[in-house]
Amino acid sequence: MTYSSLKVQIQKEKRKFHQGIRKEETNINNNIDDKIIRSIFDISRK
């Protein structure tokens, strides 16, 4: 493996890794939004 092909490989792996992180962040944010919306509805029902 040459230096440049190794660098390309590392870039690909990093991209995959960051996409995974972004997906997790989106899931977390959606869960937080859901919780906030539910608590607002609970308050307004009382």
PDB file of N, CA and C in Angstrom:
ATOM      1  N   MET A   1       0.840  -1.200   0.000  1.00  0.00           N
ATOM      2  CA  MET A   1       0.000   0.000   0.000  1.00  0.00           C
ATOM      3  C   MET A   1       0.872   1.245   0.000  1.00  0.00           C
ATOM      4  N   THR A   2       0.559   2.165  -0.892  1.00  0.00           N
ATOM      5  CA  THR A   2       1.344   3.394  -0.951  1.00  0.00           C
ATOM      6  C   THR A   2       0.802   4.391   0.066  1.00  0.00           C
ATOM      7  N   TYR A   3       1.588   5.413   0.310  1.00  0.00           N
ATOM      8  CA  TYR A   3       1.215   6.454   1.257  1.00  0.00           C
ATOM      9  C   TYR A   3      -0.107   7.117   0.863  1.00  0.00           C
ATOM     10  N   SER A   4      -0.237   7.455  -0.437  1.00  0.00           N
ATOM     11  CA  SER A   4      -1.436   8.175  -0.874  1.00  0.00           C
ATOM     12  C   SER A   4      -2.683   7.284  -0.824  1.00  0.00           C
ATOM     13  N   SER A   5      -2.523   5.988  -1.155  1.00  0.00           N
ATOM     14  CA  SER A   5      -3.700   5.117  -1.085  1.00  0.00           C
ATOM     15  C   SER A   5      -4.112   4.879   0.362  1.00  0.00           C
ATOM     16  N   LEU A   6      -3.132   4.904   1.252  1.00  0.00           N
ATOM     17  CA  LEU A   6      -3.426   4.778   2.677  1.00  0.00           C
ATOM     18  C   LEU A   6      -4.206   5.999   3.162  1.00  0.00           C
ATOM     19  N   LYS A   7      -3.768   7.172   2.697  1.00  0.00           N
ATOM     20  CA  LYS A   7      -4.468   8.408   3.075  1.00  0.00           C
ATOM     21  C   LYS A   7      -5.908   8.398   2.581  1.00  0.00           C
ATOM     22  N   VAL A   8      -6.125   7.930   1.354  1.00  0.00           N
ATOM     23  CA  VAL A   8      -7.476   7.851   0.792  1.00  0.00           C
ATOM     24  C   VAL A   8      -8.332   6.919   1.644  1.00  0.00           C
ATOM     25  N   GLN A   9      -7.761   5.790   2.032  1.00  0.00           N
ATOM     26  CA  GLN A   9      -8.473   4.817   2.852  1.00  0.00           C
ATOM     27  C   GLN A   9      -8.891   5.436   4.192  1.00  0.00           C
ATOM     28  N   ILE A  10      -7.969   6.175   4.802  1.00  0.00           N
ATOM     29  CA  ILE A  10      -8.252   6.834   6.082  1.00  0.00           C
ATOM     30  C   ILE A  10      -9.385   7.839   5.915  1.00  0.00           C
ATOM     31  N   GLN A  11      -9.347   8.620   4.828  1.00  0.00           N
ATOM     32  CA  GLN A  11     -10.412   9.594   4.577  1.00  0.00           C
ATOM     33  C   GLN A  11     -11.775   8.911   4.472  1.00  0.00           C
ATOM     34  N   LYS A  12     -11.819   7.774   3.757  1.00  0.00           N
ATOM     35  CA  LYS A  12     -13.077   7.035   3.592  1.00  0.00           C
ATOM     36  C   LYS A  12     -13.606   6.570   4.940  1.00  0.00           C
ATOM     37  N   GLU A  13     -12.705   6.019   5.761  1.00  0.00           N
ATOM     38  CA  GLU A  13     -13.113   5.531   7.079  1.00  0.00           C
ATOM     39  C   GLU A  13     -13.634   6.672   7.944  1.00  0.00           C
ATOM     40  N   LYS A  14     -12.943   7.814   7.895  1.00  0.00           N
ATOM     41  CA  LYS A  14     -13.364   8.964   8.688  1.00  0.00           C
ATOM     42  C   LYS A  14     -14.756   9.420   8.268  1.00  0.00           C
ATOM     43  N   ARG A  15     -14.999   9.429   6.959  1.00  0.00           N
ATOM     44  CA  ARG A  15     -16.305   9.869   6.454  1.00  0.00           C
ATOM     45  C   ARG A  15     -17.407   8.964   6.985  1.00  0.00           C
ATOM     46  N   LYS A  16     -17.156   7.643   6.918  1.00  0.00           N
ATOM     47  CA  LYS A  16     -18.136   6.677   7.428  1.00  0.00           C
ATOM     48  C   LYS A  16     -18.412   6.922   8.898  1.00  0.00           C
ATOM     49  N   PHE A  17     -17.335   7.138   9.643  1.00  0.00           N
ATOM     50  CA  PHE A  17     -17.435   7.355  11.080  1.00  0.00           C
ATOM     51  C   PHE A  17     -18.274   8.595  11.379  1.00  0.00           C
ATOM     52  N   HIS A  18     -17.992   9.695  10.667  1.00  0.00           N
ATOM     53  CA  HIS A  18     -18.720  10.936  10.905  1.00  0.00           C
ATOM     54  C   HIS A  18     -20.186  10.821  10.524  1.00  0.00           C
ATOM     55  N   GLN A  19     -20.492  10.064   9.464  1.00  0.00           N
ATOM     56  CA  GLN A  19     -21.894   9.864   9.089  1.00  0.00           C
ATOM     57  C   GLN A  19     -22.622   9.126  10.203  1.00  0.00           C
ATOM     58  N   GLY A  20     -21.946   8.144  10.804  1.00  0.00           N
ATOM     59  CA  GLY A  20     -22.538   7.406  11.926  1.00  0.00           C
ATOM     60  C   GLY A  20     -22.833   8.326  13.093  1.00  0.00           C
ATOM     61  N   ILE A  21     -21.897   9.216  13.392  1.00  0.00           N
ATOM     62  CA  ILE A  21     -22.081  10.157  14.499  1.00  0.00           C
ATOM     63  C   ILE A  21     -23.250  11.083  14.200  1.00  0.00           C
ATOM     64  N   ARG A  22     -23.311  11.588  12.969  1.00  0.00           N
ATOM     65  CA  ARG A  22     -24.395  12.503  12.601  1.00  0.00           C
ATOM     66  C   ARG A  22     -25.748  11.831  12.745  1.00  0.00           C
ATOM     67  N   LYS A  23     -25.808  10.551  12.334  1.00  0.00           N
ATOM     68  CA  LYS A  23     -27.057   9.808  12.439  1.00  0.00           C
ATOM     69  C   LYS A  23     -27.480   9.698  13.903  1.00  0.00           C
ATOM     70  N   GLU A  24     -26.526   9.377  14.771  1.00  0.00           N
ATOM     71  CA  GLU A  24     -26.813   9.285  16.204  1.00  0.00           C
ATOM     72  C   GLU A  24     -27.301  10.618  16.750  1.00  0.00           C
ATOM     73  N   GLU A  25     -26.635  11.708  16.366  1.00  0.00           N
ATOM     74  CA  GLU A  25     -27.028  13.033  16.839  1.00  0.00           C
ATOM     75  C   GLU A  25     -28.458  13.343  16.428  1.00  0.00           C
ATOM     76  N   THR A  26     -28.810  12.996  15.197  1.00  0.00           N
ATOM     77  CA  THR A  26     -30.174  13.228  14.709  1.00  0.00           C
ATOM     78  C   THR A  26     -31.176  12.444  15.540  1.00  0.00           C
ATOM     79  N   ASN A  27     -30.856  11.180  15.833  1.00  0.00           N
ATOM     80  CA  ASN A  27     -31.746  10.361  16.651  1.00  0.00           C
ATOM     81  C   ASN A  27     -31.923  10.963  18.038  1.00  0.00           C
ATOM     82  N   ILE A  28     -30.827  11.401  18.645  1.00  0.00           N
ATOM     83  CA  ILE A  28     -30.893  11.987  19.980  1.00  0.00           C
ATOM     84  C   ILE A  28     -31.753  13.246  19.955  1.00  0.00           C
ATOM     85  N   ASN A  29     -31.513  14.115  18.964  1.00  0.00           N
ATOM     86  CA  ASN A  29     -32.286  15.352  18.861  1.00  0.00           C
ATOM     87  C   ASN A  29     -33.766  15.069  18.676  1.00  0.00           C
ATOM     88  N   ASN A  30     -34.104  14.067  17.846  1.00  0.00           N
ATOM     89  CA  ASN A  30     -35.504  13.723  17.640  1.00  0.00           C
ATOM     90  C   ASN A  30     -36.130  13.218  18.933  1.00  0.00           C
ATOM     91  N   ASN A  31     -35.388  12.410  19.698  1.00  0.00           N
ATOM     92  CA  ASN A  31     -35.906  11.910  20.963  1.00  0.00           C
ATOM     93  C   ASN A  31     -36.161  13.053  21.934  1.00  0.00           C
ATOM     94  N   ILE A  32     -35.239  14.013  21.987  1.00  0.00           N
ATOM     95  CA  ILE A  32     -35.410  15.165  22.878  1.00  0.00           C
ATOM     96  C   ILE A  32     -36.639  15.960  22.451  1.00  0.00           C
ATOM     97  N   ASP A  33     -36.782  16.193  21.144  1.00  0.00           N
ATOM     98  CA  ASP A  33     -37.951  16.919  20.632  1.00  0.00           C
ATOM     99  C   ASP A  33     -39.234  16.211  21.048  1.00  0.00           C
ATOM    100  N   ASP A  34     -39.267  14.880  20.887  1.00  0.00           N
ATOM    101  CA  ASP A  34     -40.452  14.110  21.261  1.00  0.00           C
ATOM    102  C   ASP A  34     -40.783  14.295  22.737  1.00  0.00           C
ATOM    103  N   LYS A  35     -39.760  14.237  23.580  1.00  0.00           N
ATOM    104  CA  LYS A  35     -39.985  14.379  25.018  1.00  0.00           C
ATOM    105  C   LYS A  35     -40.534  15.751  25.356  1.00  0.00           C
ATOM    106  N   ILE A  36     -39.982  16.783  24.727  1.00  0.00           N
ATOM    107  CA  ILE A  36     -40.441  18.149  24.973  1.00  0.00           C
ATOM    108  C   ILE A  36     -41.893  18.296  24.536  1.00  0.00           C
ATOM    109  N   ILE A  37     -42.204  17.800  23.345  1.00  0.00           N
ATOM    110  CA  ILE A  37     -43.564  17.914  22.823  1.00  0.00           C
ATOM    111  C   ILE A  37     -44.542  17.180  23.747  1.00  0.00           C
ATOM    112  N   ARG A  38     -44.169  15.964  24.188  1.00  0.00           N
ATOM    113  CA  ARG A  38     -45.040  15.208  25.083  1.00  0.00           C
ATOM    114  C   ARG A  38     -45.283  15.933  26.385  1.00  0.00           C
ATOM    115  N   SER A  39     -44.226  16.528  26.961  1.00  0.00           N
ATOM    116  CA  SER A  39     -44.409  17.205  28.240  1.00  0.00           C
ATOM    117  C   SER A  39     -45.266  18.453  28.073  1.00  0.00           C
ATOM    118  N   ILE A  40     -45.165  19.127  26.937  1.00  0.00           N
ATOM    119  CA  ILE A  40     -46.017  20.296  26.682  1.00  0.00           C
ATOM    120  C   ILE A  40     -47.480  19.853  26.609  1.00  0.00           C
ATOM    121  N   PHE A  41     -47.724  18.726  25.906  1.00  0.00           N
ATOM    122  CA  PHE A  41     -49.096  18.233  25.800  1.00  0.00           C
ATOM    123  C   PHE A  41     -49.632  17.811  27.160  1.00  0.00           C
ATOM    124  N   ASP A  42     -48.786  17.177  27.971  1.00  0.00           N
ATOM    125  CA  ASP A  42     -49.215  16.765  29.310  1.00  0.00           C
ATOM    126  C   ASP A  42     -49.607  17.966  30.147  1.00  0.00           C
ATOM    127  N   ILE A  43     -48.818  19.035  30.070  1.00  0.00           N
ATOM    128  CA  ILE A  43     -49.097  20.245  30.847  1.00  0.00           C
ATOM    129  C   ILE A  43     -50.409  20.869  30.376  1.00  0.00           C
ATOM    130  N   SER A  44     -50.606  20.911  29.057  1.00  0.00           N
ATOM    131  CA  SER A  44     -51.803  21.578  28.530  1.00  0.00           C
ATOM    132  C   SER A  44     -53.071  20.765  28.806  1.00  0.00           C
ATOM    133  N   ARG A  45     -52.944  19.461  29.034  1.00  0.00           N
ATOM    134  CA  ARG A  45     -54.113  18.633  29.331  1.00  0.00           C
ATOM    135  C   ARG A  45     -54.638  18.866  30.743  1.00  0.00           C
ATOM    136  N   LYS A  46     -53.740  19.247  31.652  1.00  0.00           N
ATOM    137  CA  LYS A  46     -54.152  19.390  33.064  1.00  0.00           C
ATOM    138  C   LYS A  46     -55.017  20.604  33.281  1.00  0.00           C
TER     139      LYS A  46
END
